[in-house]
Protein backbone atom coordinates (compact mmCIF):
# COMPACT_ATOMS: atom_id res chain seq x y z
CA MET A 1 -16.43 -14.21 -5.35
CA LYS A 2 -17.25 -10.60 -6.09
CA VAL A 3 -17.41 -7.65 -3.70
CA GLN A 4 -21.20 -7.54 -4.13
CA ASP A 5 -21.42 -11.15 -2.88
CA ILE A 6 -19.73 -10.19 0.39
CA VAL A 7 -22.00 -7.14 0.73
CA ASP A 8 -25.09 -9.30 0.25
CA GLN A 9 -24.02 -12.21 2.47
CA LEU A 10 -22.76 -10.09 5.37
CA GLY A 11 -25.19 -7.16 5.15
CA LEU A 12 -22.43 -4.59 4.67
CA LYS A 13 -23.21 -0.93 4.05
CA ILE A 14 -21.90 0.53 0.78
CA CYS A 15 -20.34 3.88 1.70
CA SER A 16 -18.79 4.74 -1.67
CA GLY A 17 -17.19 3.33 -4.81
CA ALA A 18 -20.26 1.35 -5.90
CA ALA A 19 -18.89 1.16 -9.46
CA GLY A 20 -16.40 -1.44 -8.21
CA LEU A 21 -18.86 -3.88 -6.66
CA ASN A 22 -18.26 -6.39 -9.46
CA ARG A 23 -14.55 -6.63 -8.69
CA GLU A 24 -13.30 -10.16 -8.02
CA ILE A 25 -11.96 -10.99 -4.54
CA VAL A 26 -9.13 -13.50 -4.19
CA GLY A 27 -8.43 -13.10 -0.48
CA GLY A 28 -8.26 -10.62 2.35
CA TYR A 29 -5.92 -8.67 4.57
CA THR A 30 -6.61 -7.25 8.03
CA SER A 31 -4.45 -4.46 9.44
CA ASP A 32 -4.65 -0.88 10.67
CA LEU A 33 -1.01 -0.12 9.93
CA LEU A 34 -0.74 1.41 6.46
CA SER A 35 2.89 0.39 5.94
CA ASP A 36 1.96 -3.20 6.80
CA VAL A 37 -0.80 -3.23 4.18
CA MET A 38 1.46 -1.58 1.62
CA GLY A 39 4.13 -4.22 2.19
CA ASN A 40 1.95 -7.32 2.48
CA ALA A 41 -1.51 -7.01 0.92
CA ASN A 42 -2.00 -8.41 -2.56
CA GLU A 43 -3.95 -7.38 -5.64
CA ASN A 44 -7.69 -8.12 -5.52
CA GLN A 45 -7.76 -8.67 -1.78
CA ILE A 46 -10.33 -7.06 0.47
CA TRP A 47 -8.83 -4.95 3.28
CA LEU A 48 -10.36 -4.68 6.77
CA THR A 49 -9.39 -1.65 8.84
CA LEU A 50 -10.67 1.06 11.17
CA GLN A 51 -8.72 3.80 9.36
CA THR A 52 -11.00 6.30 7.62
CA HIS A 53 -8.67 8.98 6.20
CA LYS A 54 -7.75 9.54 2.56
CA ASN A 55 -4.45 7.66 2.83
CA ILE A 56 -6.35 4.36 2.82
CA MET A 57 -7.37 5.11 -0.76
CA ALA A 58 -3.74 5.73 -1.73
CA ILE A 59 -2.82 2.28 -0.40
CA ALA A 60 -5.87 0.58 -1.95
CA SER A 61 -5.08 2.13 -5.32
CA LEU A 62 -1.36 1.33 -5.13
CA LYS A 63 -2.04 -2.32 -4.25
CA ASP A 64 -5.10 -2.58 -6.58
CA LEU A 65 -7.26 -3.88 -3.75
CA ALA A 66 -10.80 -5.07 -4.46
CA ALA A 67 -12.41 -3.11 -1.60
CA ILE A 68 -11.94 -1.67 1.87
CA ILE A 69 -14.17 -2.65 4.77
CA LEU A 70 -14.35 -0.33 7.75
CA VAL A 71 -15.15 -2.12 11.00
CA LYS A 72 -17.01 -1.13 14.19
CA GLY A 73 -19.38 1.17 12.30
CA TYR A 74 -16.69 3.55 11.11
CA GLN A 75 -17.49 5.68 8.06
CA PRO A 76 -15.02 7.13 5.54
CA GLU A 77 -14.13 10.80 5.71
CA GLU A 78 -15.72 12.90 2.97
CA ASP A 79 -12.57 13.23 0.85
CA THR A 80 -11.89 9.50 1.25
CA ALA A 81 -15.35 8.64 -0.06
CA ALA A 82 -14.90 11.05 -2.97
CA GLN A 83 -11.62 9.37 -3.94
CA SER A 84 -13.28 5.96 -3.64
CA ASN A 85 -15.99 7.05 -6.06
CA GLU A 86 -13.42 8.41 -8.52
CA GLU A 87 -11.35 5.22 -8.49
CA GLY A 88 -14.20 2.71 -8.28
CA ILE A 89 -12.72 1.00 -5.23
CA PRO A 90 -15.61 0.31 -2.85
CA ILE A 91 -15.52 1.34 0.78
CA LEU A 92 -17.90 -0.75 2.83
CA SER A 93 -18.83 -0.58 6.50
CA SER A 94 -19.82 -3.10 9.16
CA GLU A 95 -20.87 -2.71 12.78
CA GLU A 96 -18.92 -5.86 13.65
CA GLU A 97 -15.57 -6.07 15.40
CA THR A 98 -12.52 -6.78 13.25
CA PHE A 99 -11.90 -10.28 14.63
CA GLU A 100 -15.42 -11.56 13.98
CA LEU A 101 -15.74 -10.00 10.54
CA THR A 102 -12.34 -11.28 9.43
CA GLY A 103 -13.39 -14.82 10.36
CA LYS A 104 -16.67 -14.55 8.46
CA ILE A 105 -14.96 -13.22 5.34
CA TYR A 106 -12.30 -15.91 5.54
CA ASP A 107 -15.01 -18.60 5.67
CA LEU A 108 -16.89 -17.09 2.71
CA ILE A 109 -13.80 -16.88 0.53
CA LYS A 110 -12.62 -20.36 1.52
CA ARG A 111 -16.01 -21.87 0.56
CA THR A 112 -15.86 -20.36 -2.93
CA LYS A 113 -12.42 -21.74 -3.78
């Protein structure tokens, strides 16, 4: 499954990093604690969070994540979006709560395996 597939199936908004929409997704990770994501997320996972500051891009780049999804309608800060565009790591946004969106993404990924 590619990032674009999740965007299309869940109606996510593309905030930045559109060059990376063809990245492959192998799983997901949900956390708002950066040290938790740094220690436990895996390459090519999609990360759900409400954090919007530039440090999320540092973590996404370090872990080579497929994309970041901001929940509850949050939008990335300007410098975060700029970094996303430079690195080609998409930042997406959803109006949904974290719990509901995590479940939907889990189901989508599970069906494609």
